[in-house]
PDB file of N, CA and C in Angstrom:
ATOM      1  N   MET A   1      35.920   3.888 -23.753  1.00  0.00           N
ATOM      2  CA  MET A   1      34.605   3.528 -22.957  1.00  0.00           C
ATOM      3  C   MET A   1      33.305   3.849 -23.843  1.00  0.00           C
ATOM      4  N   THR A   2      32.782   3.208 -23.860  1.00  0.00           N
ATOM      5  CA  THR A   2      31.602   3.506 -24.814  1.00  0.00           C
ATOM      6  C   THR A   2      30.198   3.812 -23.654  1.00  0.00           C
ATOM      7  N   SER A   3      29.369   4.599 -24.559  1.00  0.00           N
ATOM      8  CA  SER A   3      28.198   5.056 -23.705  1.00  0.00           C
ATOM      9  C   SER A   3      26.985   4.476 -24.200  1.00  0.00           C
ATOM     10  N   ASN A   4      26.298   4.150 -23.133  1.00  0.00           N
ATOM     11  CA  ASN A   4      24.954   3.570 -23.587  1.00  0.00           C
ATOM     12  C   ASN A   4      23.686   4.437 -23.139  1.00  0.00           C
ATOM     13  N   SER A   5      22.950   4.855 -24.302  1.00  0.00           N
ATOM     14  CA  SER A   5      22.332   5.921 -24.087  1.00  0.00           C
ATOM     15  C   SER A   5      20.966   5.666 -23.474  1.00  0.00           C
ATOM     16  N   LYS A   6      20.642   4.368 -23.301  1.00  0.00           N
ATOM     17  CA  LYS A   6      19.511   4.029 -22.415  1.00  0.00           C
ATOM     18  C   LYS A   6      19.790   4.109 -21.037  1.00  0.00           C
ATOM     19  N   LEU A   7      21.199   3.750 -20.543  1.00  0.00           N
ATOM     20  CA  LEU A   7      21.637   3.884 -19.188  1.00  0.00           C
ATOM     21  C   LEU A   7      21.657   5.324 -18.778  1.00  0.00           C
ATOM     22  N   ASP A   8      22.207   6.012 -19.878  1.00  0.00           N
ATOM     23  CA  ASP A   8      22.400   7.623 -19.332  1.00  0.00           C
ATOM     24  C   ASP A   8      21.209   8.248 -19.443  1.00  0.00           C
ATOM     25  N   SER A   9      20.045   7.832 -19.928  1.00  0.00           N
ATOM     26  CA  SER A   9      18.649   8.682 -19.905  1.00  0.00           C
ATOM     27  C   SER A   9      17.903   8.250 -18.720  1.00  0.00           C
ATOM     28  N   GLN A  10      18.374   7.161 -18.056  1.00  0.00           N
ATOM     29  CA  GLN A  10      17.319   6.779 -17.240  1.00  0.00           C
ATOM     30  C   GLN A  10      17.384   7.600 -15.839  1.00  0.00           C
ATOM     31  N   ASP A  11      16.362   7.780 -15.395  1.00  0.00           N
ATOM     32  CA  ASP A  11      15.853   8.934 -14.317  1.00  0.00           C
ATOM     33  C   ASP A  11      15.470   8.118 -13.164  1.00  0.00           C
ATOM     34  N   GLY A  12      15.230   6.737 -13.048  1.00  0.00           N
ATOM     35  CA  GLY A  12      14.984   6.016 -11.960  1.00  0.00           C
ATOM     36  C   GLY A  12      13.529   5.811 -11.870  1.00  0.00           C
ATOM     37  N   SER A  13      12.771   6.264 -12.975  1.00  0.00           N
ATOM     38  CA  SER A  13      11.375   6.289 -12.911  1.00  0.00           C
ATOM     39  C   SER A  13      10.657   4.823 -13.153  1.00  0.00           C
ATOM     40  N   HIS A  14      11.678   4.172 -13.739  1.00  0.00           N
ATOM     41  CA  HIS A  14      11.397   2.499 -14.084  1.00  0.00           C
ATOM     42  C   HIS A  14      12.135   1.707 -13.255  1.00  0.00           C
ATOM     43  N   SER A  15      12.248   1.978 -11.999  1.00  0.00           N
ATOM     44  CA  SER A  15      13.350   1.156 -11.010  1.00  0.00           C
ATOM     45  C   SER A  15      12.303   0.599 -10.203  1.00  0.00           C
ATOM     46  N   LEU A  16      12.962  -0.295  -9.499  1.00  0.00           N
ATOM     47  CA  LEU A  16      12.024  -0.894  -8.296  1.00  0.00           C
ATOM     48  C   LEU A  16      11.829   0.002  -7.289  1.00  0.00           C
ATOM     49  N   SER A  17      12.604   1.005  -7.112  1.00  0.00           N
ATOM     50  CA  SER A  17      12.618   1.952  -5.888  1.00  0.00           C
ATOM     51  C   SER A  17      11.222   2.866  -6.138  1.00  0.00           C
ATOM     52  N   THR A  18      10.840   3.130  -7.375  1.00  0.00           N
ATOM     53  CA  THR A  18       9.573   3.717  -7.421  1.00  0.00           C
ATOM     54  C   THR A  18       8.568   2.822  -8.028  1.00  0.00           C
ATOM     55  N   GLY A  19       8.371   1.351  -8.220  1.00  0.00           N
ATOM     56  CA  GLY A  19       7.670   0.599  -8.608  1.00  0.00           C
ATOM     57  C   GLY A  19       6.564   1.066  -9.823  1.00  0.00           C
ATOM     58  N   ASP A  20       7.398   0.874 -10.874  1.00  0.00           N
ATOM     59  CA  ASP A  20       6.651   1.555 -12.233  1.00  0.00           C
ATOM     60  C   ASP A  20       5.617   0.296 -12.430  1.00  0.00           C
ATOM     61  N   ASP A  21       4.763   1.046 -13.121  1.00  0.00           N
ATOM     62  CA  ASP A  21       3.341  -0.051 -13.777  1.00  0.00           C
ATOM     63  C   ASP A  21       3.828  -1.018 -14.841  1.00  0.00           C
ATOM     64  N   ALA A  22       4.943  -0.613 -15.727  1.00  0.00           N
ATOM     65  CA  ALA A  22       5.054  -1.322 -16.751  1.00  0.00           C
ATOM     66  C   ALA A  22       5.736  -2.553 -16.556  1.00  0.00           C
ATOM     67  N   SER A  23       6.209  -2.845 -15.141  1.00  0.00           N
ATOM     68  CA  SER A  23       6.902  -4.314 -14.957  1.00  0.00           C
ATOM     69  C   SER A  23       5.841  -5.346 -14.595  1.00  0.00           C
ATOM     70  N   ASP A  24       6.240  -6.452 -15.109  1.00  0.00           N
ATOM     71  CA  ASP A  24       5.498  -7.597 -14.805  1.00  0.00           C
ATOM     72  C   ASP A  24       4.997  -7.855 -13.160  1.00  0.00           C
ATOM     73  N   SER A  25       6.119  -7.555 -12.520  1.00  0.00           N
ATOM     74  CA  SER A  25       5.754  -7.997 -11.141  1.00  0.00           C
ATOM     75  C   SER A  25       5.711  -6.474 -10.107  1.00  0.00           C
ATOM     76  N   PRO A  26       4.924  -6.742  -9.333  1.00  0.00           N
ATOM     77  CA  PRO A  26       4.392  -5.644  -8.363  1.00  0.00           C
ATOM     78  C   PRO A  26       5.787  -5.304  -7.397  1.00  0.00           C
ATOM     79  N   CYS A  27       6.706  -6.067  -7.470  1.00  0.00           N
ATOM     80  CA  CYS A  27       7.699  -6.045  -6.335  1.00  0.00           C
ATOM     81  C   CYS A  27       8.675  -4.879  -6.605  1.00  0.00           C
ATOM     82  N   ILE A  28       8.710  -4.088  -5.305  1.00  0.00           N
ATOM     83  CA  ILE A  28       9.482  -3.063  -5.207  1.00  0.00           C
ATOM     84  C   ILE A  28      10.976  -3.283  -4.614  1.00  0.00           C
ATOM     85  N   GLY A  29      11.170  -4.363  -4.284  1.00  0.00           N
ATOM     86  CA  GLY A  29      12.315  -4.851  -3.584  1.00  0.00           C
ATOM     87  C   GLY A  29      12.296  -4.739  -2.137  1.00  0.00           C
ATOM     88  N   VAL A  30      11.117  -4.282  -1.432  1.00  0.00           N
ATOM     89  CA  VAL A  30      10.893  -4.219  -0.078  1.00  0.00           C
ATOM     90  C   VAL A  30       9.898  -5.298   0.508  1.00  0.00           C
ATOM     91  N   CYS A  31      10.422  -6.232   0.639  1.00  0.00           N
ATOM     92  CA  CYS A  31       9.825  -7.450   1.197  1.00  0.00           C
ATOM     93  C   CYS A  31       9.754  -7.629   2.608  1.00  0.00           C
ATOM     94  N   THR A  32       8.938  -7.329   3.199  1.00  0.00           N
ATOM     95  CA  THR A  32       8.403  -7.710   4.545  1.00  0.00           C
ATOM     96  C   THR A  32       6.751  -8.202   4.920  1.00  0.00           C
ATOM     97  N   THR A  33       6.722  -9.126   5.355  1.00  0.00           N
ATOM     98  CA  THR A  33       5.420  -9.662   6.014  1.00  0.00           C
ATOM     99  C   THR A  33       5.218  -9.835   7.402  1.00  0.00           C
ATOM    100  N   LEU A  34       5.669  -8.777   8.208  1.00  0.00           N
ATOM    101  CA  LEU A  34       5.697  -8.629   9.690  1.00  0.00           C
ATOM    102  C   LEU A  34       4.125  -8.640  10.157  1.00  0.00           C
ATOM    103  N   TYR A  35       3.991  -9.515  10.812  1.00  0.00           N
ATOM    104  CA  TYR A  35       2.834  -9.855  11.624  1.00  0.00           C
ATOM    105  C   TYR A  35       1.617 -10.345  10.607  1.00  0.00           C
ATOM    106  N   ASP A  36       1.663 -10.259   9.286  1.00  0.00           N
ATOM    107  CA  ASP A  36       0.388 -10.999   8.469  1.00  0.00           C
ATOM    108  C   ASP A  36       1.018 -11.586   7.380  1.00  0.00           C
ATOM    109  N   GLU A  37       0.123 -11.941   6.611  1.00  0.00           N
ATOM    110  CA  GLU A  37       0.402 -12.870   5.043  1.00  0.00           C
ATOM    111  C   GLU A  37       0.714 -11.971   4.039  1.00  0.00           C
ATOM    112  N   ILE A  38       0.754 -10.529   3.932  1.00  0.00           N
ATOM    113  CA  ILE A  38       0.741  -9.742   3.196  1.00  0.00           C
ATOM    114  C   ILE A  38       1.756  -8.729   2.901  1.00  0.00           C
ATOM    115  N   CYS A  39       2.705  -9.004   1.919  1.00  0.00           N
ATOM    116  CA  CYS A  39       3.716  -7.969   1.814  1.00  0.00           C
ATOM    117  C   CYS A  39       3.494  -6.532   1.694  1.00  0.00           C
ATOM    118  N   GLN A  40       4.131  -6.032   2.709  1.00  0.00           N
ATOM    119  CA  GLN A  40       4.021  -4.635   2.795  1.00  0.00           C
ATOM    120  C   GLN A  40       4.471  -3.628   1.694  1.00  0.00           C
ATOM    121  N   GLY A  41       5.415  -4.125   1.031  1.00  0.00           N
ATOM    122  CA  GLY A  41       5.903  -3.543  -0.144  1.00  0.00           C
ATOM    123  C   GLY A  41       5.126  -3.555  -1.298  1.00  0.00           C
ATOM    124  N   CYS A  42       4.581  -4.798  -1.701  1.00  0.00           N
ATOM    125  CA  CYS A  42       3.759  -4.668  -3.003  1.00  0.00           C
ATOM    126  C   CYS A  42       2.400  -5.236  -2.869  1.00  0.00           C
ATOM    127  N   GLY A  43       1.758  -5.364  -1.639  1.00  0.00           N
ATOM    128  CA  GLY A  43       0.586  -5.901  -1.174  1.00  0.00           C
ATOM    129  C   GLY A  43      -0.062  -7.213  -1.915  1.00  0.00           C
ATOM    130  N   ARG A  44       1.198  -8.236  -2.183  1.00  0.00           N
ATOM    131  CA  ARG A  44       0.807  -9.498  -2.480  1.00  0.00           C
ATOM    132  C   ARG A  44       0.748 -10.745  -1.506  1.00  0.00           C
ATOM    133  N   THR A  45       0.251 -11.777  -1.350  1.00  0.00           N
ATOM    134  CA  THR A  45       0.184 -12.559  -0.292  1.00  0.00           C
ATOM    135  C   THR A  45       1.386 -13.464  -0.558  1.00  0.00           C
ATOM    136  N   LEU A  46       1.888 -14.152   0.608  1.00  0.00           N
ATOM    137  CA  LEU A  46       3.146 -14.839   0.576  1.00  0.00           C
ATOM    138  C   LEU A  46       2.695 -15.999  -0.925  1.00  0.00           C
ATOM    139  N   GLY A  47       1.747 -16.474  -0.925  1.00  0.00           N
ATOM    140  CA  GLY A  47       1.644 -17.468  -2.138  1.00  0.00           C
ATOM    141  C   GLY A  47       1.572 -16.840  -3.339  1.00  0.00           C
ATOM    142  N   GLU A  48       1.231 -15.414  -3.496  1.00  0.00           N
ATOM    143  CA  GLU A  48       1.297 -14.921  -4.588  1.00  0.00           C
ATOM    144  C   GLU A  48       2.716 -14.623  -5.184  1.00  0.00           C
ATOM    145  N   VAL A  49       3.556 -14.163  -4.077  1.00  0.00           N
ATOM    146  CA  VAL A  49       4.942 -13.868  -4.323  1.00  0.00           C
ATOM    147  C   VAL A  49       5.710 -15.193  -4.636  1.00  0.00           C
ATOM    148  N   SER A  50       5.508 -16.066  -3.829  1.00  0.00           N
ATOM    149  CA  SER A  50       6.351 -17.043  -4.290  1.00  0.00           C
ATOM    150  C   SER A  50       5.805 -18.062  -5.492  1.00  0.00           C
ATOM    151  N   ASN A  51       4.663 -17.973  -5.944  1.00  0.00           N
ATOM    152  CA  ASN A  51       4.227 -18.272  -7.023  1.00  0.00           C
ATOM    153  C   ASN A  51       3.993 -17.690  -8.357  1.00  0.00           C
ATOM    154  N   TRP A  52       4.601 -16.332  -8.576  1.00  0.00           N
ATOM    155  CA  TRP A  52       4.207 -15.404  -9.363  1.00  0.00           C
ATOM    156  C   TRP A  52       4.909 -15.871 -10.627  1.00  0.00           C
ATOM    157  N   VAL A  53       5.867 -16.408 -10.750  1.00  0.00           N
ATOM    158  CA  VAL A  53       6.358 -16.873 -12.025  1.00  0.00           C
ATOM    159  C   VAL A  53       5.348 -17.961 -12.722  1.00  0.00           C
ATOM    160  N   PHE A  54       4.702 -18.572 -12.087  1.00  0.00           N
ATOM    161  CA  PHE A  54       3.964 -19.551 -12.581  1.00  0.00           C
ATOM    162  C   PHE A  54       2.318 -19.215 -12.522  1.00  0.00           C
ATOM    163  N   LEU A  55       2.190 -18.046 -12.349  1.00  0.00           N
ATOM    164  CA  LEU A  55       0.742 -17.396 -12.588  1.00  0.00           C
ATOM    165  C   LEU A  55       0.309 -17.470 -13.739  1.00  0.00           C
ATOM    166  N   SER A  56      -0.754 -17.368 -14.448  1.00  0.00           N
ATOM    167  CA  SER A  56      -1.170 -17.127 -15.629  1.00  0.00           C
ATOM    168  C   SER A  56      -1.353 -15.564 -15.821  1.00  0.00           C
ATOM    169  N   PRO A  57      -1.244 -14.867 -17.071  1.00  0.00           N
ATOM    170  CA  PRO A  57      -1.334 -13.726 -17.103  1.00  0.00           C
ATOM    171  C   PRO A  57      -2.839 -13.208 -16.538  1.00  0.00           C
ATOM    172  N   GLU A  58      -3.711 -14.009 -16.772  1.00  0.00           N
ATOM    173  CA  GLU A  58      -5.206 -13.560 -16.236  1.00  0.00           C
ATOM    174  C   GLU A  58      -4.959 -13.628 -14.546  1.00  0.00           C
ATOM    175  N   GLU A  59      -4.205 -14.511 -13.974  1.00  0.00           N
ATOM    176  CA  GLU A  59      -4.161 -14.533 -12.655  1.00  0.00           C
ATOM    177  C   GLU A  59      -3.332 -13.275 -11.824  1.00  0.00           C
ATOM    178  N   LYS A  60      -2.169 -13.017 -12.845  1.00  0.00           N
ATOM    179  CA  LYS A  60      -1.553 -11.826 -12.358  1.00  0.00           C
ATOM    180  C   LYS A  60      -2.250 -10.384 -12.526  1.00  0.00           C
ATOM    181  N   ASP A  61      -3.172 -10.400 -13.650  1.00  0.00           N
ATOM    182  CA  ASP A  61      -4.088  -9.223 -13.766  1.00  0.00           C
ATOM    183  C   ASP A  61      -4.944  -8.931 -12.521  1.00  0.00           C
ATOM    184  N   ALA A  62      -5.556 -10.143 -11.917  1.00  0.00           N
ATOM    185  CA  ALA A  62      -6.504 -10.390 -11.014  1.00  0.00           C
ATOM    186  C   ALA A  62      -5.678  -9.532  -9.822  1.00  0.00           C
ATOM    187  N   VAL A  63      -4.467 -10.120  -9.550  1.00  0.00           N
ATOM    188  CA  VAL A  63      -3.479  -9.719  -8.369  1.00  0.00           C
ATOM    189  C   VAL A  63      -3.392  -8.043  -8.481  1.00  0.00           C
ATOM    190  N   TRP A  64      -2.964  -7.738  -9.635  1.00  0.00           N
ATOM    191  CA  TRP A  64      -2.583  -6.288  -9.976  1.00  0.00           C
ATOM    192  C   TRP A  64      -3.934  -5.507  -9.654  1.00  0.00           C
ATOM    193  N   LYS A  65      -4.977  -5.914 -10.015  1.00  0.00           N
ATOM    194  CA  LYS A  65      -6.452  -4.980  -9.878  1.00  0.00           C
ATOM    195  C   LYS A  65      -6.695  -5.147  -8.198  1.00  0.00           C
ATOM    196  N   ARG A  66      -6.651  -6.307  -7.858  1.00  0.00           N
ATOM    197  CA  ARG A  66      -6.826  -6.236  -6.074  1.00  0.00           C
ATOM    198  C   ARG A  66      -5.789  -5.255  -5.217  1.00  0.00           C
ATOM    199  N   ILE A  67      -4.458  -5.369  -5.554  1.00  0.00           N
ATOM    200  CA  ILE A  67      -3.700  -4.421  -4.920  1.00  0.00           C
ATOM    201  C   ILE A  67      -3.652  -2.838  -5.221  1.00  0.00           C
ATOM    202  N   ARG A  68      -3.857  -2.762  -6.532  1.00  0.00           N
ATOM    203  CA  ARG A  68      -4.140  -1.306  -6.919  1.00  0.00           C
ATOM    204  C   ARG A  68      -5.302  -0.678  -6.114  1.00  0.00           C
ATOM    205  N   ALA A  69      -6.526  -1.614  -6.024  1.00  0.00           N
ATOM    206  CA  ALA A  69      -7.715  -1.077  -5.300  1.00  0.00           C
ATOM    207  C   ALA A  69      -7.511  -1.175  -4.095  1.00  0.00           C
ATOM    208  N   ASP A  70      -6.709  -1.811  -3.445  1.00  0.00           N
ATOM    209  CA  ASP A  70      -6.464  -1.713  -2.128  1.00  0.00           C
ATOM    210  C   ASP A  70      -5.614  -0.357  -1.809  1.00  0.00           C
ATOM    211  N   GLY A  71      -4.370  -0.106  -2.605  1.00  0.00           N
ATOM    212  CA  GLY A  71      -3.532   1.019  -2.519  1.00  0.00           C
ATOM    213  C   GLY A  71      -2.719   1.151  -1.391  1.00  0.00           C
ATOM    214  N   SER A  72      -2.608  -0.027  -0.360  1.00  0.00           N
ATOM    215  CA  SER A  72      -2.069   0.579   0.964  1.00  0.00           C
ATOM    216  C   SER A  72      -0.773  -0.070   0.909  1.00  0.00           C
ATOM    217  N   ALA A  73      -0.200  -0.548  -0.159  1.00  0.00           N
ATOM    218  CA  ALA A  73       1.221  -1.001  -0.095  1.00  0.00           C
ATOM    219  C   ALA A  73       2.264   0.017  -0.371  1.00  0.00           C
ATOM    220  N   MET A  74       3.427  -0.166   0.051  1.00  0.00           N
ATOM    221  CA  MET A  74       4.558   1.112  -0.312  1.00  0.00           C
ATOM    222  C   MET A  74       4.594   1.542  -1.389  1.00  0.00           C
ATOM    223  N   ARG A  75       4.449   0.429  -2.335  1.00  0.00           N
ATOM    224  CA  ARG A  75       4.638   0.619  -3.951  1.00  0.00           C
ATOM    225  C   ARG A  75       3.759   1.771  -4.356  1.00  0.00           C
ATOM    226  N   PHE A  76       2.357   1.843  -3.788  1.00  0.00           N
ATOM    227  CA  PHE A  76       1.583   2.721  -4.246  1.00  0.00           C
ATOM    228  C   PHE A  76       1.563   3.948  -3.253  1.00  0.00           C
ATOM    229  N   GLN A  77       2.407   3.877  -2.087  1.00  0.00           N
ATOM    230  CA  GLN A  77       2.350   5.315  -1.535  1.00  0.00           C
ATOM    231  C   GLN A  77       3.464   5.971  -1.992  1.00  0.00           C
ATOM    232  N   ARG A  78       4.626   5.357  -2.578  1.00  0.00           N
ATOM    233  CA  ARG A  78       5.617   6.040  -3.397  1.00  0.00           C
ATOM    234  C   ARG A  78       5.216   6.814  -4.390  1.00  0.00           C
ATOM    235  N   GLN A  79       4.492   5.817  -5.342  1.00  0.00           N
ATOM    236  CA  GLN A  79       3.998   6.521  -6.476  1.00  0.00           C
ATOM    237  C   GLN A  79       3.184   7.779  -6.333  1.00  0.00           C
ATOM    238  N   LEU A  80       2.289   7.712  -5.233  1.00  0.00           N
ATOM    239  CA  LEU A  80       1.215   9.021  -4.870  1.00  0.00           C
ATOM    240  C   LEU A  80       2.309  10.085  -4.365  1.00  0.00           C
ATOM    241  N   LYS A  81       3.446   9.848  -3.612  1.00  0.00           N
ATOM    242  CA  LYS A  81       4.356  10.957  -3.226  1.00  0.00           C
ATOM    243  C   LYS A  81       4.974  11.638  -4.281  1.00  0.00           C
ATOM    244  N   GLU A  82       5.462  10.705  -5.438  1.00  0.00           N
ATOM    245  CA  GLU A  82       6.225  11.126  -6.598  1.00  0.00           C
ATOM    246  C   GLU A  82       5.237  11.919  -7.429  1.00  0.00           C
ATOM    247  N   ILE A  83       3.907  11.790  -7.448  1.00  0.00           N
ATOM    248  CA  ILE A  83       2.958  12.280  -8.272  1.00  0.00           C
ATOM    249  C   ILE A  83       2.865  13.799  -7.465  1.00  0.00           C
ATOM    250  N   LYS A  84       2.793  13.956  -6.152  1.00  0.00           N
ATOM    251  CA  LYS A  84       2.302  15.089  -5.513  1.00  0.00           C
ATOM    252  C   LYS A  84       3.497  16.005  -5.589  1.00  0.00           C
ATOM    253  N   SER A  85       4.900  15.506  -5.823  1.00  0.00           N
ATOM    254  CA  SER A  85       5.854  16.219  -5.757  1.00  0.00           C
ATOM    255  C   SER A  85       6.069  17.199  -7.142  1.00  0.00           C
TER     256      SER A  85
END
C-alpha cells in the first residue's frame, strides 16, 4: 500500500466543509434555498449556481465580491467560527 503525502497531510482546511477561498466555486455542499432565491450555504442566486461553469472570470469575481460583502452565507459563518477557535 502506497502513501500519498498530499492526502496524509490534509487537515480539512481546503474542503467543502470549511469553504476555502482557494476554490473556484463558493459552494460548500450545503445547498438550500428555502423561502428565497439565495442559497443559504454559499450566498449565490439560483441562476448563479446553475450557470457558474458558464460565467466568465470577471463575472465570478463580481459574485465572490458580493457574497463576501454580504457575509451571511454559511460559508462565511463557518470561516469566522474557525478563525475564532
